[in-house]
Every structure is written in structure tokens, then in C-alpha cells.
PDBML (XML) file of the C-alpha atoms, coordinates in Angstrom:
<?xml version="1.0" encoding="UTF-8" ?>
<PDBx:datablock datablockName="MODEL"
   xmlns:PDBx="http://pdbml.pdb.org/schema/pdbx-v50.xsd"
   xmlns:xsi="http://www.w3.org/2001/XMLSchema-instance"
   xsi:schemaLocation="http://pdbml.pdb.org/schema/pdbx-v50.xsd pdbx-v50.xsd">
   <PDBx:atom_siteCategory>
      <PDBx:atom_site id="1">
         <PDBx:B_iso_or_equiv>0.00</PDBx:B_iso_or_equiv>
         <PDBx:Cartn_x>0.000</PDBx:Cartn_x>
         <PDBx:Cartn_y>0.000</PDBx:Cartn_y>
         <PDBx:Cartn_z>0.000</PDBx:Cartn_z>
         <PDBx:auth_asym_id>A</PDBx:auth_asym_id>
         <PDBx:auth_atom_id>CA</PDBx:auth_atom_id>
         <PDBx:auth_comp_id>UNK</PDBx:auth_comp_id>
         <PDBx:auth_seq_id>1</PDBx:auth_seq_id>
         <PDBx:group_PDB>ATOM</PDBx:group_PDB>
         <PDBx:label_alt_id xsi:nil="true" />
         <PDBx:label_asym_id>A</PDBx:label_asym_id>
         <PDBx:label_atom_id>CA</PDBx:label_atom_id>
         <PDBx:label_comp_id>UNK</PDBx:label_comp_id>
         <PDBx:label_entity_id>1</PDBx:label_entity_id>
         <PDBx:label_seq_id>1</PDBx:label_seq_id>
         <PDBx:occupancy>1.00</PDBx:occupancy>
         <PDBx:pdbx_PDB_model_num>1</PDBx:pdbx_PDB_model_num>
         <PDBx:type_symbol>C</PDBx:type_symbol>
      </PDBx:atom_site>
      <PDBx:atom_site id="2">
         <PDBx:B_iso_or_equiv>0.00</PDBx:B_iso_or_equiv>
         <PDBx:Cartn_x>2.946</PDBx:Cartn_x>
         <PDBx:Cartn_y>2.426</PDBx:Cartn_y>
         <PDBx:Cartn_z>0.252</PDBx:Cartn_z>
         <PDBx:auth_asym_id>A</PDBx:auth_asym_id>
         <PDBx:auth_atom_id>CA</PDBx:auth_atom_id>
         <PDBx:auth_comp_id>UNK</PDBx:auth_comp_id>
         <PDBx:auth_seq_id>2</PDBx:auth_seq_id>
         <PDBx:group_PDB>ATOM</PDBx:group_PDB>
         <PDBx:label_alt_id xsi:nil="true" />
         <PDBx:label_asym_id>A</PDBx:label_asym_id>
         <PDBx:label_atom_id>CA</PDBx:label_atom_id>
         <PDBx:label_comp_id>UNK</PDBx:label_comp_id>
         <PDBx:label_entity_id>1</PDBx:label_entity_id>
         <PDBx:label_seq_id>2</PDBx:label_seq_id>
         <PDBx:occupancy>1.00</PDBx:occupancy>
         <PDBx:pdbx_PDB_model_num>1</PDBx:pdbx_PDB_model_num>
         <PDBx:type_symbol>C</PDBx:type_symbol>
      </PDBx:atom_site>
      <PDBx:atom_site id="3">
         <PDBx:B_iso_or_equiv>0.00</PDBx:B_iso_or_equiv>
         <PDBx:Cartn_x>5.146</PDBx:Cartn_x>
         <PDBx:Cartn_y>1.324</PDBx:Cartn_y>
         <PDBx:Cartn_z>-2.657</PDBx:Cartn_z>
         <PDBx:auth_asym_id>A</PDBx:auth_asym_id>
         <PDBx:auth_atom_id>CA</PDBx:auth_atom_id>
         <PDBx:auth_comp_id>UNK</PDBx:auth_comp_id>
         <PDBx:auth_seq_id>3</PDBx:auth_seq_id>
         <PDBx:group_PDB>ATOM</PDBx:group_PDB>
         <PDBx:label_alt_id xsi:nil="true" />
         <PDBx:label_asym_id>A</PDBx:label_asym_id>
         <PDBx:label_atom_id>CA</PDBx:label_atom_id>
         <PDBx:label_comp_id>UNK</PDBx:label_comp_id>
         <PDBx:label_entity_id>1</PDBx:label_entity_id>
         <PDBx:label_seq_id>3</PDBx:label_seq_id>
         <PDBx:occupancy>1.00</PDBx:occupancy>
         <PDBx:pdbx_PDB_model_num>1</PDBx:pdbx_PDB_model_num>
         <PDBx:type_symbol>C</PDBx:type_symbol>
      </PDBx:atom_site>
      <PDBx:atom_site id="4">
         <PDBx:B_iso_or_equiv>0.00</PDBx:B_iso_or_equiv>
         <PDBx:Cartn_x>4.813</PDBx:Cartn_x>
         <PDBx:Cartn_y>1.026</PDBx:Cartn_y>
         <PDBx:Cartn_z>-6.442</PDBx:Cartn_z>
         <PDBx:auth_asym_id>A</PDBx:auth_asym_id>
         <PDBx:auth_atom_id>CA</PDBx:auth_atom_id>
         <PDBx:auth_comp_id>UNK</PDBx:auth_comp_id>
         <PDBx:auth_seq_id>4</PDBx:auth_seq_id>
         <PDBx:group_PDB>ATOM</PDBx:group_PDB>
         <PDBx:label_alt_id xsi:nil="true" />
         <PDBx:label_asym_id>A</PDBx:label_asym_id>
         <PDBx:label_atom_id>CA</PDBx:label_atom_id>
         <PDBx:label_comp_id>UNK</PDBx:label_comp_id>
         <PDBx:label_entity_id>1</PDBx:label_entity_id>
         <PDBx:label_seq_id>4</PDBx:label_seq_id>
         <PDBx:occupancy>1.00</PDBx:occupancy>
         <PDBx:pdbx_PDB_model_num>1</PDBx:pdbx_PDB_model_num>
         <PDBx:type_symbol>C</PDBx:type_symbol>
      </PDBx:atom_site>
      <PDBx:atom_site id="5">
         <PDBx:B_iso_or_equiv>0.00</PDBx:B_iso_or_equiv>
         <PDBx:Cartn_x>7.603</PDBx:Cartn_x>
         <PDBx:Cartn_y>0.099</PDBx:Cartn_y>
         <PDBx:Cartn_z>-8.847</PDBx:Cartn_z>
         <PDBx:auth_asym_id>A</PDBx:auth_asym_id>
         <PDBx:auth_atom_id>CA</PDBx:auth_atom_id>
         <PDBx:auth_comp_id>UNK</PDBx:auth_comp_id>
         <PDBx:auth_seq_id>5</PDBx:auth_seq_id>
         <PDBx:group_PDB>ATOM</PDBx:group_PDB>
         <PDBx:label_alt_id xsi:nil="true" />
         <PDBx:label_asym_id>A</PDBx:label_asym_id>
         <PDBx:label_atom_id>CA</PDBx:label_atom_id>
         <PDBx:label_comp_id>UNK</PDBx:label_comp_id>
         <PDBx:label_entity_id>1</PDBx:label_entity_id>
         <PDBx:label_seq_id>5</PDBx:label_seq_id>
         <PDBx:occupancy>1.00</PDBx:occupancy>
         <PDBx:pdbx_PDB_model_num>1</PDBx:pdbx_PDB_model_num>
         <PDBx:type_symbol>C</PDBx:type_symbol>
      </PDBx:atom_site>
      <PDBx:atom_site id="6">
         <PDBx:B_iso_or_equiv>0.00</PDBx:B_iso_or_equiv>
         <PDBx:Cartn_x>8.329</PDBx:Cartn_x>
         <PDBx:Cartn_y>1.033</PDBx:Cartn_y>
         <PDBx:Cartn_z>-12.451</PDBx:Cartn_z>
         <PDBx:auth_asym_id>A</PDBx:auth_asym_id>
         <PDBx:auth_atom_id>CA</PDBx:auth_atom_id>
         <PDBx:auth_comp_id>UNK</PDBx:auth_comp_id>
         <PDBx:auth_seq_id>6</PDBx:auth_seq_id>
         <PDBx:group_PDB>ATOM</PDBx:group_PDB>
         <PDBx:label_alt_id xsi:nil="true" />
         <PDBx:label_asym_id>A</PDBx:label_asym_id>
         <PDBx:label_atom_id>CA</PDBx:label_atom_id>
         <PDBx:label_comp_id>UNK</PDBx:label_comp_id>
         <PDBx:label_entity_id>1</PDBx:label_entity_id>
         <PDBx:label_seq_id>6</PDBx:label_seq_id>
         <PDBx:occupancy>1.00</PDBx:occupancy>
         <PDBx:pdbx_PDB_model_num>1</PDBx:pdbx_PDB_model_num>
         <PDBx:type_symbol>C</PDBx:type_symbol>
      </PDBx:atom_site>
      <PDBx:atom_site id="7">
         <PDBx:B_iso_or_equiv>0.00</PDBx:B_iso_or_equiv>
         <PDBx:Cartn_x>11.278</PDBx:Cartn_x>
         <PDBx:Cartn_y>-0.150</PDBx:Cartn_y>
         <PDBx:Cartn_z>-14.512</PDBx:Cartn_z>
         <PDBx:auth_asym_id>A</PDBx:auth_asym_id>
         <PDBx:auth_atom_id>CA</PDBx:auth_atom_id>
         <PDBx:auth_comp_id>UNK</PDBx:auth_comp_id>
         <PDBx:auth_seq_id>7</PDBx:auth_seq_id>
         <PDBx:group_PDB>ATOM</PDBx:group_PDB>
         <PDBx:label_alt_id xsi:nil="true" />
         <PDBx:label_asym_id>A</PDBx:label_asym_id>
         <PDBx:label_atom_id>CA</PDBx:label_atom_id>
         <PDBx:label_comp_id>UNK</PDBx:label_comp_id>
         <PDBx:label_entity_id>1</PDBx:label_entity_id>
         <PDBx:label_seq_id>7</PDBx:label_seq_id>
         <PDBx:occupancy>1.00</PDBx:occupancy>
         <PDBx:pdbx_PDB_model_num>1</PDBx:pdbx_PDB_model_num>
         <PDBx:type_symbol>C</PDBx:type_symbol>
      </PDBx:atom_site>
      <PDBx:atom_site id="8">
         <PDBx:B_iso_or_equiv>0.00</PDBx:B_iso_or_equiv>
         <PDBx:Cartn_x>12.856</PDBx:Cartn_x>
         <PDBx:Cartn_y>-0.041</PDBx:Cartn_y>
         <PDBx:Cartn_z>-17.971</PDBx:Cartn_z>
         <PDBx:auth_asym_id>A</PDBx:auth_asym_id>
         <PDBx:auth_atom_id>CA</PDBx:auth_atom_id>
         <PDBx:auth_comp_id>UNK</PDBx:auth_comp_id>
         <PDBx:auth_seq_id>8</PDBx:auth_seq_id>
         <PDBx:group_PDB>ATOM</PDBx:group_PDB>
         <PDBx:label_alt_id xsi:nil="true" />
         <PDBx:label_asym_id>A</PDBx:label_asym_id>
         <PDBx:label_atom_id>CA</PDBx:label_atom_id>
         <PDBx:label_comp_id>UNK</PDBx:label_comp_id>
         <PDBx:label_entity_id>1</PDBx:label_entity_id>
         <PDBx:label_seq_id>8</PDBx:label_seq_id>
         <PDBx:occupancy>1.00</PDBx:occupancy>
         <PDBx:pdbx_PDB_model_num>1</PDBx:pdbx_PDB_model_num>
         <PDBx:type_symbol>C</PDBx:type_symbol>
      </PDBx:atom_site>
      <PDBx:atom_site id="9">
         <PDBx:B_iso_or_equiv>0.00</PDBx:B_iso_or_equiv>
         <PDBx:Cartn_x>12.871</PDBx:Cartn_x>
         <PDBx:Cartn_y>3.712</PDBx:Cartn_y>
         <PDBx:Cartn_z>-18.692</PDBx:Cartn_z>
         <PDBx:auth_asym_id>A</PDBx:auth_asym_id>
         <PDBx:auth_atom_id>CA</PDBx:auth_atom_id>
         <PDBx:auth_comp_id>UNK</PDBx:auth_comp_id>
         <PDBx:auth_seq_id>9</PDBx:auth_seq_id>
         <PDBx:group_PDB>ATOM</PDBx:group_PDB>
         <PDBx:label_alt_id xsi:nil="true" />
         <PDBx:label_asym_id>A</PDBx:label_asym_id>
         <PDBx:label_atom_id>CA</PDBx:label_atom_id>
         <PDBx:label_comp_id>UNK</PDBx:label_comp_id>
         <PDBx:label_entity_id>1</PDBx:label_entity_id>
         <PDBx:label_seq_id>9</PDBx:label_seq_id>
         <PDBx:occupancy>1.00</PDBx:occupancy>
         <PDBx:pdbx_PDB_model_num>1</PDBx:pdbx_PDB_model_num>
         <PDBx:type_symbol>C</PDBx:type_symbol>
      </PDBx:atom_site>
      <PDBx:atom_site id="10">
         <PDBx:B_iso_or_equiv>0.00</PDBx:B_iso_or_equiv>
         <PDBx:Cartn_x>15.356</PDBx:Cartn_x>
         <PDBx:Cartn_y>6.239</PDBx:Cartn_y>
         <PDBx:Cartn_z>-17.388</PDBx:Cartn_z>
         <PDBx:auth_asym_id>A</PDBx:auth_asym_id>
         <PDBx:auth_atom_id>CA</PDBx:auth_atom_id>
         <PDBx:auth_comp_id>UNK</PDBx:auth_comp_id>
         <PDBx:auth_seq_id>10</PDBx:auth_seq_id>
         <PDBx:group_PDB>ATOM</PDBx:group_PDB>
         <PDBx:label_alt_id xsi:nil="true" />
         <PDBx:label_asym_id>A</PDBx:label_asym_id>
         <PDBx:label_atom_id>CA</PDBx:label_atom_id>
         <PDBx:label_comp_id>UNK</PDBx:label_comp_id>
         <PDBx:label_entity_id>1</PDBx:label_entity_id>
         <PDBx:label_seq_id>10</PDBx:label_seq_id>
         <PDBx:occupancy>1.00</PDBx:occupancy>
         <PDBx:pdbx_PDB_model_num>1</PDBx:pdbx_PDB_model_num>
         <PDBx:type_symbol>C</PDBx:type_symbol>
      </PDBx:atom_site>
      <PDBx:atom_site id="11">
         <PDBx:B_iso_or_equiv>0.00</PDBx:B_iso_or_equiv>
         <PDBx:Cartn_x>13.690</PDBx:Cartn_x>
         <PDBx:Cartn_y>9.177</PDBx:Cartn_y>
         <PDBx:Cartn_z>-15.709</PDBx:Cartn_z>
         <PDBx:auth_asym_id>A</PDBx:auth_asym_id>
         <PDBx:auth_atom_id>CA</PDBx:auth_atom_id>
         <PDBx:auth_comp_id>UNK</PDBx:auth_comp_id>
         <PDBx:auth_seq_id>11</PDBx:auth_seq_id>
         <PDBx:group_PDB>ATOM</PDBx:group_PDB>
         <PDBx:label_alt_id xsi:nil="true" />
         <PDBx:label_asym_id>A</PDBx:label_asym_id>
         <PDBx:label_atom_id>CA</PDBx:label_atom_id>
         <PDBx:label_comp_id>UNK</PDBx:label_comp_id>
         <PDBx:label_entity_id>1</PDBx:label_entity_id>
         <PDBx:label_seq_id>11</PDBx:label_seq_id>
         <PDBx:occupancy>1.00</PDBx:occupancy>
         <PDBx:pdbx_PDB_model_num>1</PDBx:pdbx_PDB_model_num>
         <PDBx:type_symbol>C</PDBx:type_symbol>
      </PDBx:atom_site>
      <PDBx:atom_site id="12">
         <PDBx:B_iso_or_equiv>0.00</PDBx:B_iso_or_equiv>
         <PDBx:Cartn_x>15.165</PDBx:Cartn_x>
         <PDBx:Cartn_y>12.599</PDBx:Cartn_y>
         <PDBx:Cartn_z>-16.161</PDBx:Cartn_z>
         <PDBx:auth_asym_id>A</PDBx:auth_asym_id>
         <PDBx:auth_atom_id>CA</PDBx:auth_atom_id>
         <PDBx:auth_comp_id>UNK</PDBx:auth_comp_id>
         <PDBx:auth_seq_id>12</PDBx:auth_seq_id>
         <PDBx:group_PDB>ATOM</PDBx:group_PDB>
         <PDBx:label_alt_id xsi:nil="true" />
         <PDBx:label_asym_id>A</PDBx:label_asym_id>
         <PDBx:label_atom_id>CA</PDBx:label_atom_id>
         <PDBx:label_comp_id>UNK</PDBx:label_comp_id>
         <PDBx:label_entity_id>1</PDBx:label_entity_id>
         <PDBx:label_seq_id>12</PDBx:label_seq_id>
         <PDBx:occupancy>1.00</PDBx:occupancy>
         <PDBx:pdbx_PDB_model_num>1</PDBx:pdbx_PDB_model_num>
         <PDBx:type_symbol>C</PDBx:type_symbol>
      </PDBx:atom_site>
      <PDBx:atom_site id="13">
         <PDBx:B_iso_or_equiv>0.00</PDBx:B_iso_or_equiv>
         <PDBx:Cartn_x>13.356</PDBx:Cartn_x>
         <PDBx:Cartn_y>15.823</PDBx:Cartn_y>
         <PDBx:Cartn_z>-15.394</PDBx:Cartn_z>
         <PDBx:auth_asym_id>A</PDBx:auth_asym_id>
         <PDBx:auth_atom_id>CA</PDBx:auth_atom_id>
         <PDBx:auth_comp_id>UNK</PDBx:auth_comp_id>
         <PDBx:auth_seq_id>13</PDBx:auth_seq_id>
         <PDBx:group_PDB>ATOM</PDBx:group_PDB>
         <PDBx:label_alt_id xsi:nil="true" />
         <PDBx:label_asym_id>A</PDBx:label_asym_id>
         <PDBx:label_atom_id>CA</PDBx:label_atom_id>
         <PDBx:label_comp_id>UNK</PDBx:label_comp_id>
         <PDBx:label_entity_id>1</PDBx:label_entity_id>
         <PDBx:label_seq_id>13</PDBx:label_seq_id>
         <PDBx:occupancy>1.00</PDBx:occupancy>
         <PDBx:pdbx_PDB_model_num>1</PDBx:pdbx_PDB_model_num>
         <PDBx:type_symbol>C</PDBx:type_symbol>
      </PDBx:atom_site>
      <PDBx:atom_site id="14">
         <PDBx:B_iso_or_equiv>0.00</PDBx:B_iso_or_equiv>
         <PDBx:Cartn_x>9.575</PDBx:Cartn_x>
         <PDBx:Cartn_y>15.615</PDBx:Cartn_y>
         <PDBx:Cartn_z>-15.635</PDBx:Cartn_z>
         <PDBx:auth_asym_id>A</PDBx:auth_asym_id>
         <PDBx:auth_atom_id>CA</PDBx:auth_atom_id>
         <PDBx:auth_comp_id>UNK</PDBx:auth_comp_id>
         <PDBx:auth_seq_id>14</PDBx:auth_seq_id>
         <PDBx:group_PDB>ATOM</PDBx:group_PDB>
         <PDBx:label_alt_id xsi:nil="true" />
         <PDBx:label_asym_id>A</PDBx:label_asym_id>
         <PDBx:label_atom_id>CA</PDBx:label_atom_id>
         <PDBx:label_comp_id>UNK</PDBx:label_comp_id>
         <PDBx:label_entity_id>1</PDBx:label_entity_id>
         <PDBx:label_seq_id>14</PDBx:label_seq_id>
         <PDBx:occupancy>1.00</PDBx:occupancy>
         <PDBx:pdbx_PDB_model_num>1</PDBx:pdbx_PDB_model_num>
         <PDBx:type_symbol>C</PDBx:type_symbol>
      </PDBx:atom_site>
      <PDBx:atom_site id="15">
         <PDBx:B_iso_or_equiv>0.00</PDBx:B_iso_or_equiv>
         <PDBx:Cartn_x>6.783</PDBx:Cartn_x>
         <PDBx:Cartn_y>18.034</PDBx:Cartn_y>
         <PDBx:Cartn_z>-14.916</PDBx:Cartn_z>
         <PDBx:auth_asym_id>A</PDBx:auth_asym_id>
         <PDBx:auth_atom_id>CA</PDBx:auth_atom_id>
         <PDBx:auth_comp_id>UNK</PDBx:auth_comp_id>
         <PDBx:auth_seq_id>15</PDBx:auth_seq_id>
         <PDBx:group_PDB>ATOM</PDBx:group_PDB>
         <PDBx:label_alt_id xsi:nil="true" />
         <PDBx:label_asym_id>A</PDBx:label_asym_id>
         <PDBx:label_atom_id>CA</PDBx:label_atom_id>
         <PDBx:label_comp_id>UNK</PDBx:label_comp_id>
         <PDBx:label_entity_id>1</PDBx:label_entity_id>
         <PDBx:label_seq_id>15</PDBx:label_seq_id>
         <PDBx:occupancy>1.00</PDBx:occupancy>
         <PDBx:pdbx_PDB_model_num>1</PDBx:pdbx_PDB_model_num>
         <PDBx:type_symbol>C</PDBx:type_symbol>
      </PDBx:atom_site>
      <PDBx:atom_site id="16">
         <PDBx:B_iso_or_equiv>0.00</PDBx:B_iso_or_equiv>
         <PDBx:Cartn_x>3.909</PDBx:Cartn_x>
         <PDBx:Cartn_y>15.858</PDBx:Cartn_y>
         <PDBx:Cartn_z>-13.801</PDBx:Cartn_z>
         <PDBx:auth_asym_id>A</PDBx:auth_asym_id>
         <PDBx:auth_atom_id>CA</PDBx:auth_atom_id>
         <PDBx:auth_comp_id>UNK</PDBx:auth_comp_id>
         <PDBx:auth_seq_id>16</PDBx:auth_seq_id>
         <PDBx:group_PDB>ATOM</PDBx:group_PDB>
         <PDBx:label_alt_id xsi:nil="true" />
         <PDBx:label_asym_id>A</PDBx:label_asym_id>
         <PDBx:label_atom_id>CA</PDBx:label_atom_id>
         <PDBx:label_comp_id>UNK</PDBx:label_comp_id>
         <PDBx:label_entity_id>1</PDBx:label_entity_id>
         <PDBx:label_seq_id>16</PDBx:label_seq_id>
         <PDBx:occupancy>1.00</PDBx:occupancy>
         <PDBx:pdbx_PDB_model_num>1</PDBx:pdbx_PDB_model_num>
         <PDBx:type_symbol>C</PDBx:type_symbol>
      </PDBx:atom_site>
      <PDBx:atom_site id="17">
         <PDBx:B_iso_or_equiv>0.00</PDBx:B_iso_or_equiv>
         <PDBx:Cartn_x>3.507</PDBx:Cartn_x>
         <PDBx:Cartn_y>12.526</PDBx:Cartn_y>
         <PDBx:Cartn_z>-12.058</PDBx:Cartn_z>
         <PDBx:auth_asym_id>A</PDBx:auth_asym_id>
         <PDBx:auth_atom_id>CA</PDBx:auth_atom_id>
         <PDBx:auth_comp_id>UNK</PDBx:auth_comp_id>
         <PDBx:auth_seq_id>17</PDBx:auth_seq_id>
         <PDBx:group_PDB>ATOM</PDBx:group_PDB>
         <PDBx:label_alt_id xsi:nil="true" />
         <PDBx:label_asym_id>A</PDBx:label_asym_id>
         <PDBx:label_atom_id>CA</PDBx:label_atom_id>
         <PDBx:label_comp_id>UNK</PDBx:label_comp_id>
         <PDBx:label_entity_id>1</PDBx:label_entity_id>
         <PDBx:label_seq_id>17</PDBx:label_seq_id>
         <PDBx:occupancy>1.00</PDBx:occupancy>
         <PDBx:pdbx_PDB_model_num>1</PDBx:pdbx_PDB_model_num>
         <PDBx:type_symbol>C</PDBx:type_symbol>
      </PDBx:atom_site>
      <PDBx:atom_site id="18">
         <PDBx:B_iso_or_equiv>0.00</PDBx:B_iso_or_equiv>
         <PDBx:Cartn_x>0.129</PDBx:Cartn_x>
         <PDBx:Cartn_y>10.976</PDBx:Cartn_y>
         <PDBx:Cartn_z>-11.287</PDBx:Cartn_z>
         <PDBx:auth_asym_id>A</PDBx:auth_asym_id>
         <PDBx:auth_atom_id>CA</PDBx:auth_atom_id>
         <PDBx:auth_comp_id>UNK</PDBx:auth_comp_id>
         <PDBx:auth_seq_id>18</PDBx:auth_seq_id>
         <PDBx:group_PDB>ATOM</PDBx:group_PDB>
         <PDBx:label_alt_id xsi:nil="true" />
         <PDBx:label_asym_id>A</PDBx:label_asym_id>
         <PDBx:label_atom_id>CA</PDBx:label_atom_id>
         <PDBx:label_comp_id>UNK</PDBx:label_comp_id>
         <PDBx:label_entity_id>1</PDBx:label_entity_id>
         <PDBx:label_seq_id>18</PDBx:label_seq_id>
         <PDBx:occupancy>1.00</PDBx:occupancy>
         <PDBx:pdbx_PDB_model_num>1</PDBx:pdbx_PDB_model_num>
         <PDBx:type_symbol>C</PDBx:type_symbol>
      </PDBx:atom_site>
      <PDBx:atom_site id="19">
         <PDBx:B_iso_or_equiv>0.00</PDBx:B_iso_or_equiv>
         <PDBx:Cartn_x>-0.993</PDBx:Cartn_x>
         <PDBx:Cartn_y>7.830</PDBx:Cartn_y>
         <PDBx:Cartn_z>-9.498</PDBx:Cartn_z>
         <PDBx:auth_asym_id>A</PDBx:auth_asym_id>
         <PDBx:auth_atom_id>CA</PDBx:auth_atom_id>
         <PDBx:auth_comp_id>UNK</PDBx:auth_comp_id>
         <PDBx:auth_seq_id>19</PDBx:auth_seq_id>
         <PDBx:group_PDB>ATOM</PDBx:group_PDB>
         <PDBx:label_alt_id xsi:nil="true" />
         <PDBx:label_asym_id>A</PDBx:label_asym_id>
         <PDBx:label_atom_id>CA</PDBx:label_atom_id>
         <PDBx:label_comp_id>UNK</PDBx:label_comp_id>
         <PDBx:label_entity_id>1</PDBx:label_entity_id>
         <PDBx:label_seq_id>19</PDBx:label_seq_id>
         <PDBx:occupancy>1.00</PDBx:occupancy>
         <PDBx:pdbx_PDB_model_num>1</PDBx:pdbx_PDB_model_num>
         <PDBx:type_symbol>C</PDBx:type_symbol>
      </PDBx:atom_site>
      <PDBx:atom_site id="20">
         <PDBx:B_iso_or_equiv>0.00</PDBx:B_iso_or_equiv>
         <PDBx:Cartn_x>-4.360</PDBx:Cartn_x>
         <PDBx:Cartn_y>6.814</PDBx:Cartn_y>
         <PDBx:Cartn_z>-10.905</PDBx:Cartn_z>
         <PDBx:auth_asym_id>A</PDBx:auth_asym_id>
         <PDBx:auth_atom_id>CA</PDBx:auth_atom_id>
         <PDBx:auth_comp_id>UNK</PDBx:auth_comp_id>
         <PDBx:auth_seq_id>20</PDBx:auth_seq_id>
         <PDBx:group_PDB>ATOM</PDBx:group_PDB>
         <PDBx:label_alt_id xsi:nil="true" />
         <PDBx:label_asym_id>A</PDBx:label_asym_id>
         <PDBx:label_atom_id>CA</PDBx:label_atom_id>
         <PDBx:label_comp_id>UNK</PDBx:label_comp_id>
         <PDBx:label_entity_id>1</PDBx:label_entity_id>
         <PDBx:label_seq_id>20</PDBx:label_seq_id>
         <PDBx:occupancy>1.00</PDBx:occupancy>
         <PDBx:pdbx_PDB_model_num>1</PDBx:pdbx_PDB_model_num>
         <PDBx:type_symbol>C</PDBx:type_symbol>
      </PDBx:atom_site>
      <PDBx:atom_site id="21">
         <PDBx:B_iso_or_equiv>0.00</PDBx:B_iso_or_equiv>
         <PDBx:Cartn_x>-6.652</PDBx:Cartn_x>
         <PDBx:Cartn_y>3.989</PDBx:Cartn_y>
         <PDBx:Cartn_z>-9.870</PDBx:Cartn_z>
         <PDBx:auth_asym_id>A</PDBx:auth_asym_id>
         <PDBx:auth_atom_id>CA</PDBx:auth_atom_id>
         <PDBx:auth_comp_id>UNK</PDBx:auth_comp_id>
         <PDBx:auth_seq_id>21</PDBx:auth_seq_id>
         <PDBx:group_PDB>ATOM</PDBx:group_PDB>
         <PDBx:label_alt_id xsi:nil="true" />
         <PDBx:label_asym_id>A</PDBx:label_asym_id>
         <PDBx:label_atom_id>CA</PDBx:label_atom_id>
         <PDBx:label_comp_id>UNK</PDBx:label_comp_id>
         <PDBx:label_entity_id>1</PDBx:label_entity_id>
         <PDBx:label_seq_id>21</PDBx:label_seq_id>
         <PDBx:occupancy>1.00</PDBx:occupancy>
         <PDBx:pdbx_PDB_model_num>1</PDBx:pdbx_PDB_model_num>
         <PDBx:type_symbol>C</PDBx:type_symbol>
      </PDBx:atom_site>
      <PDBx:atom_site id="22">
         <PDBx:B_iso_or_equiv>0.00</PDBx:B_iso_or_equiv>
         <PDBx:Cartn_x>-7.616</PDBx:Cartn_x>
         <PDBx:Cartn_y>2.186</PDBx:Cartn_y>
         <PDBx:Cartn_z>-13.065</PDBx:Cartn_z>
         <PDBx:auth_asym_id>A</PDBx:auth_asym_id>
         <PDBx:auth_atom_id>CA</PDBx:auth_atom_id>
         <PDBx:auth_comp_id>UNK</PDBx:auth_comp_id>
         <PDBx:auth_seq_id>22</PDBx:auth_seq_id>
         <PDBx:group_PDB>ATOM</PDBx:group_PDB>
         <PDBx:label_alt_id xsi:nil="true" />
         <PDBx:label_asym_id>A</PDBx:label_asym_id>
         <PDBx:label_atom_id>CA</PDBx:label_atom_id>
         <PDBx:label_comp_id>UNK</PDBx:label_comp_id>
         <PDBx:label_entity_id>1</PDBx:label_entity_id>
         <PDBx:label_seq_id>22</PDBx:label_seq_id>
         <PDBx:occupancy>1.00</PDBx:occupancy>
         <PDBx:pdbx_PDB_model_num>1</PDBx:pdbx_PDB_model_num>
         <PDBx:type_symbol>C</PDBx:type_symbol>
      </PDBx:atom_site>
      <PDBx:atom_site id="23">
         <PDBx:B_iso_or_equiv>0.00</PDBx:B_iso_or_equiv>
         <PDBx:Cartn_x>-10.464</PDBx:Cartn_x>
         <PDBx:Cartn_y>-0.234</PDBx:Cartn_y>
         <PDBx:Cartn_z>-13.617</PDBx:Cartn_z>
         <PDBx:auth_asym_id>A</PDBx:auth_asym_id>
         <PDBx:auth_atom_id>CA</PDBx:auth_atom_id>
         <PDBx:auth_comp_id>UNK</PDBx:auth_comp_id>
         <PDBx:auth_seq_id>23</PDBx:auth_seq_id>
         <PDBx:group_PDB>ATOM</PDBx:group_PDB>
         <PDBx:label_alt_id xsi:nil="true" />
         <PDBx:label_asym_id>A</PDBx:label_asym_id>
         <PDBx:label_atom_id>CA</PDBx:label_atom_id>
         <PDBx:label_comp_id>UNK</PDBx:label_comp_id>
         <PDBx:label_entity_id>1</PDBx:label_entity_id>
         <PDBx:label_seq_id>23</PDBx:label_seq_id>
         <PDBx:occupancy>1.00</PDBx:occupancy>
         <PDBx:pdbx_PDB_model_num>1</PDBx:pdbx_PDB_model_num>
         <PDBx:type_symbol>C</PDBx:type_symbol>
      </PDBx:atom_site>
      <PDBx:atom_site id="24">
         <PDBx:B_iso_or_equiv>0.00</PDBx:B_iso_or_equiv>
         <PDBx:Cartn_x>-9.372</PDBx:Cartn_x>
         <PDBx:Cartn_y>-3.841</PDBx:Cartn_y>
         <PDBx:Cartn_z>-13.269</PDBx:Cartn_z>
         <PDBx:auth_asym_id>A</PDBx:auth_asym_id>
         <PDBx:auth_atom_id>CA</PDBx:auth_atom_id>
         <PDBx:auth_comp_id>UNK</PDBx:auth_comp_id>
         <PDBx:auth_seq_id>24</PDBx:auth_seq_id>
         <PDBx:group_PDB>ATOM</PDBx:group_PDB>
         <PDBx:label_alt_id xsi:nil="true" />
         <PDBx:label_asym_id>A</PDBx:label_asym_id>
         <PDBx:label_atom_id>CA</PDBx:label_atom_id>
         <PDBx:label_comp_id>UNK</PDBx:label_comp_id>
         <PDBx:label_entity_id>1</PDBx:label_entity_id>
         <PDBx:label_seq_id>24</PDBx:label_seq_id>
         <PDBx:occupancy>1.00</PDBx:occupancy>
         <PDBx:pdbx_PDB_model_num>1</PDBx:pdbx_PDB_model_num>
         <PDBx:type_symbol>C</PDBx:type_symbol>
      </PDBx:atom_site>
      <PDBx:atom_site id="25">
         <PDBx:B_iso_or_equiv>0.00</PDBx:B_iso_or_equiv>
         <PDBx:Cartn_x>-11.235</PDBx:Cartn_x>
         <PDBx:Cartn_y>-4.912</PDBx:Cartn_y>
         <PDBx:Cartn_z>-16.428</PDBx:Cartn_z>
         <PDBx:auth_asym_id>A</PDBx:auth_asym_id>
         <PDBx:auth_atom_id>CA</PDBx:auth_atom_id>
         <PDBx:auth_comp_id>UNK</PDBx:auth_comp_id>
         <PDBx:auth_seq_id>25</PDBx:auth_seq_id>
         <PDBx:group_PDB>ATOM</PDBx:group_PDB>
         <PDBx:label_alt_id xsi:nil="true" />
         <PDBx:label_asym_id>A</PDBx:label_asym_id>
         <PDBx:label_atom_id>CA</PDBx:label_atom_id>
         <PDBx:label_comp_id>UNK</PDBx:label_comp_id>
         <PDBx:label_entity_id>1</PDBx:label_entity_id>
         <PDBx:label_seq_id>25</PDBx:label_seq_id>
         <PDBx:occupancy>1.00</PDBx:occupancy>
         <PDBx:pdbx_PDB_model_num>1</PDBx:pdbx_PDB_model_num>
         <PDBx:type_symbol>C</PDBx:type_symbol>
      </PDBx:atom_site>
   </PDBx:atom_siteCategory>
</PDBx:datablock>
């Protein structure tokens, strides 16, 4: 519940990050 993980793409500067609940369908 406190940790998500993403991998495979280097992150440099970015302007906007969102965590969105998406339908499980």
C-alpha cells in the first residue's frame, strides 16, 4: 500500500507525475 515500482525507462526531469486507480477490467 505504500510502494509502487516502475522499470525499464530512465527518468530525467519531468513536470507531472500521477498515481491513478484504473479499472481492473
